[in-house]
Amino acid sequence: MEHTFTLEYWKDKTWYVGRLKEIPGVFSQGKTLTELKENVRDVYKMMMEETAMPFPRRSVKKTEIGIAV
C-alpha cells in the first residue's frame, strides 16, 4: 500500500535538505531534488521497518493552533 506525504525542502548551499511534514524524524538531503526524494523514501522505509508498525495504524485527528513568537 502506498502512502502520500508532504515533502518540505529547502536549498542549503549546494544541498537539498528536506523532511516529511507528517512523520517526525524523517529528514534527509541530496545533491539534487530527485536524490533528496529517494533518500527521504529510504529513511521512511527504514523507520517503518525499525518500528514494524505500518502508518497510519489508527485514526489520526489533526488540528491547527496558533503560537505567538
N, C-alpha and C. Protein backbone atom coordinates (compact mmCIF):
# COMPACT_ATOMS: atom_id res chain seq x y z
N MET A 1 0.84 -1.18 0.00
CA MET A 1 0.00 0.00 0.00
C MET A 1 0.89 1.24 0.00
N GLU A 2 0.56 2.19 -0.85
CA GLU A 2 1.35 3.40 -0.95
C GLU A 2 0.69 4.54 -0.19
N HIS A 3 1.51 5.29 0.54
CA HIS A 3 1.04 6.46 1.27
C HIS A 3 1.61 7.71 0.62
N THR A 4 0.93 8.81 0.75
CA THR A 4 1.41 10.07 0.22
C THR A 4 1.65 11.03 1.38
N PHE A 5 2.83 11.65 1.38
CA PHE A 5 3.20 12.59 2.43
C PHE A 5 3.68 13.88 1.80
N THR A 6 3.81 14.91 2.61
CA THR A 6 4.28 16.21 2.16
C THR A 6 5.78 16.33 2.41
N LEU A 7 6.55 16.55 1.35
CA LEU A 7 7.99 16.78 1.49
C LEU A 7 8.22 18.29 1.54
N GLU A 8 8.69 18.77 2.68
CA GLU A 8 9.11 20.17 2.80
C GLU A 8 10.62 20.18 2.58
N TYR A 9 11.08 21.06 1.70
CA TYR A 9 12.52 21.07 1.43
C TYR A 9 13.01 22.49 1.18
N TRP A 10 14.32 22.65 1.30
CA TRP A 10 14.97 23.92 1.08
C TRP A 10 16.37 23.64 0.55
N LYS A 11 16.99 24.67 0.01
CA LYS A 11 18.34 24.52 -0.53
C LYS A 11 19.31 25.13 0.47
N ASP A 12 20.30 24.35 0.88
CA ASP A 12 21.34 24.79 1.80
C ASP A 12 22.66 24.75 1.06
N LYS A 13 23.03 25.88 0.50
CA LYS A 13 24.20 25.99 -0.39
C LYS A 13 24.01 25.07 -1.59
N THR A 14 24.71 23.94 -1.66
CA THR A 14 24.58 23.06 -2.83
C THR A 14 23.73 21.83 -2.56
N TRP A 15 23.17 21.70 -1.36
CA TRP A 15 22.38 20.53 -1.00
C TRP A 15 20.90 20.87 -0.88
N TYR A 16 20.06 19.93 -1.30
CA TYR A 16 18.64 20.00 -0.99
C TYR A 16 18.43 19.25 0.32
N VAL A 17 17.76 19.89 1.27
CA VAL A 17 17.51 19.29 2.58
C VAL A 17 16.00 19.27 2.77
N GLY A 18 15.47 18.15 3.30
CA GLY A 18 14.03 18.09 3.45
C GLY A 18 13.57 17.14 4.53
N ARG A 19 12.27 17.21 4.79
CA ARG A 19 11.65 16.35 5.80
C ARG A 19 10.23 16.03 5.37
N LEU A 20 9.72 14.93 5.91
CA LEU A 20 8.31 14.60 5.71
C LEU A 20 7.52 15.32 6.79
N LYS A 21 6.64 16.19 6.39
CA LYS A 21 5.89 17.03 7.34
C LYS A 21 5.07 16.19 8.32
N GLU A 22 4.50 15.10 7.84
CA GLU A 22 3.60 14.31 8.68
C GLU A 22 4.31 13.27 9.55
N ILE A 23 5.59 13.03 9.31
CA ILE A 23 6.33 11.98 10.04
C ILE A 23 7.53 12.61 10.74
N PRO A 24 7.44 12.91 12.04
CA PRO A 24 8.58 13.49 12.74
C PRO A 24 9.80 12.58 12.66
N GLY A 25 10.94 13.18 12.42
CA GLY A 25 12.18 12.42 12.41
C GLY A 25 12.62 11.93 11.04
N VAL A 26 11.81 12.12 10.01
CA VAL A 26 12.21 11.70 8.66
C VAL A 26 12.79 12.91 7.93
N PHE A 27 14.12 13.02 8.00
CA PHE A 27 14.89 14.09 7.35
C PHE A 27 15.92 13.45 6.44
N SER A 28 16.34 14.16 5.41
CA SER A 28 17.46 13.70 4.59
C SER A 28 17.95 14.86 3.74
N GLN A 29 18.91 14.55 2.86
CA GLN A 29 19.46 15.54 1.96
C GLN A 29 19.88 14.86 0.67
N GLY A 30 20.13 15.66 -0.36
CA GLY A 30 20.60 15.14 -1.63
C GLY A 30 21.18 16.25 -2.47
N LYS A 31 22.04 15.88 -3.40
CA LYS A 31 22.65 16.87 -4.31
C LYS A 31 21.62 17.40 -5.30
N THR A 32 20.60 16.59 -5.60
CA THR A 32 19.52 17.01 -6.49
C THR A 32 18.19 16.77 -5.77
N LEU A 33 17.12 17.36 -6.30
CA LEU A 33 15.81 17.14 -5.71
C LEU A 33 15.39 15.68 -5.86
N THR A 34 15.74 15.07 -6.98
CA THR A 34 15.44 13.65 -7.19
C THR A 34 16.15 12.78 -6.16
N GLU A 35 17.42 13.08 -5.90
CA GLU A 35 18.18 12.32 -4.90
C GLU A 35 17.59 12.52 -3.50
N LEU A 36 17.17 13.74 -3.19
CA LEU A 36 16.54 14.00 -1.89
C LEU A 36 15.29 13.15 -1.74
N LYS A 37 14.44 13.10 -2.77
CA LYS A 37 13.21 12.30 -2.70
C LYS A 37 13.52 10.83 -2.47
N GLU A 38 14.52 10.30 -3.17
CA GLU A 38 14.92 8.89 -2.98
C GLU A 38 15.42 8.66 -1.56
N ASN A 39 16.24 9.57 -1.06
CA ASN A 39 16.79 9.42 0.28
C ASN A 39 15.71 9.49 1.36
N VAL A 40 14.75 10.40 1.18
CA VAL A 40 13.66 10.51 2.15
C VAL A 40 12.81 9.24 2.14
N ARG A 41 12.56 8.67 0.95
CA ARG A 41 11.82 7.40 0.88
C ARG A 41 12.58 6.30 1.63
N ASP A 42 13.90 6.25 1.45
CA ASP A 42 14.71 5.24 2.14
C ASP A 42 14.63 5.41 3.65
N VAL A 43 14.73 6.65 4.13
CA VAL A 43 14.66 6.90 5.57
C VAL A 43 13.30 6.48 6.11
N TYR A 44 12.23 6.82 5.39
CA TYR A 44 10.89 6.43 5.82
C TYR A 44 10.77 4.90 5.90
N LYS A 45 11.24 4.21 4.87
CA LYS A 45 11.16 2.74 4.86
C LYS A 45 11.96 2.14 6.02
N MET A 46 13.16 2.67 6.28
CA MET A 46 13.97 2.16 7.39
C MET A 46 13.27 2.40 8.72
N MET A 47 12.66 3.57 8.87
CA MET A 47 11.97 3.88 10.12
C MET A 47 10.78 2.94 10.33
N MET A 48 10.04 2.66 9.27
CA MET A 48 8.88 1.77 9.38
C MET A 48 9.32 0.33 9.66
N GLU A 49 10.42 -0.10 9.07
CA GLU A 49 10.93 -1.44 9.35
C GLU A 49 11.38 -1.55 10.80
N GLU A 50 12.03 -0.49 11.28
CA GLU A 50 12.53 -0.48 12.66
C GLU A 50 11.40 -0.54 13.67
N THR A 51 10.34 0.18 13.41
CA THR A 51 9.23 0.19 14.35
C THR A 51 8.25 -0.95 14.09
N ALA A 52 8.34 -1.55 12.90
CA ALA A 52 7.45 -2.65 12.50
C ALA A 52 5.99 -2.30 12.72
N MET A 53 5.66 -1.04 12.42
CA MET A 53 4.30 -0.58 12.61
C MET A 53 3.89 0.20 11.37
N PRO A 54 2.94 -0.32 10.59
CA PRO A 54 2.52 0.43 9.40
C PRO A 54 1.87 1.76 9.77
N PHE A 55 1.98 2.70 8.87
CA PHE A 55 1.43 4.03 9.13
C PHE A 55 0.25 4.28 8.21
N PRO A 56 -0.82 4.85 8.61
CA PRO A 56 -1.20 5.03 10.00
C PRO A 56 -1.89 3.78 10.52
N ARG A 57 -1.70 3.49 11.75
CA ARG A 57 -2.29 2.30 12.36
C ARG A 57 -3.65 2.60 12.96
N ARG A 58 -3.86 3.84 13.33
CA ARG A 58 -5.13 4.24 13.93
C ARG A 58 -5.57 5.55 13.28
N SER A 59 -6.77 5.93 13.56
CA SER A 59 -7.29 7.18 13.03
C SER A 59 -6.57 8.34 13.70
N VAL A 60 -6.05 9.25 12.91
CA VAL A 60 -5.31 10.39 13.43
C VAL A 60 -6.16 11.64 13.25
N LYS A 61 -6.29 12.41 14.32
CA LYS A 61 -7.03 13.66 14.26
C LYS A 61 -6.03 14.80 14.19
N LYS A 62 -6.37 15.82 13.43
CA LYS A 62 -5.47 16.97 13.26
C LYS A 62 -6.20 18.25 13.65
N THR A 63 -5.46 19.16 14.19
CA THR A 63 -5.97 20.49 14.46
C THR A 63 -4.81 21.47 14.33
N GLU A 64 -5.10 22.69 13.98
CA GLU A 64 -4.06 23.70 13.89
C GLU A 64 -4.18 24.63 15.08
N ILE A 65 -3.03 25.07 15.60
CA ILE A 65 -3.02 26.01 16.70
C ILE A 65 -2.12 27.17 16.33
N GLY A 66 -2.41 28.33 16.88
CA GLY A 66 -1.56 29.48 16.67
C GLY A 66 -0.60 29.66 17.84
N ILE A 67 0.62 30.02 17.54
CA ILE A 67 1.61 30.26 18.59
C ILE A 67 2.27 31.59 18.30
N ALA A 68 2.18 32.53 19.22
CA ALA A 68 2.80 33.84 19.05
C ALA A 68 4.28 33.73 19.39
N VAL A 69 5.11 34.27 18.52
CA VAL A 69 6.55 34.22 18.74
C VAL A 69 7.09 35.63 18.84
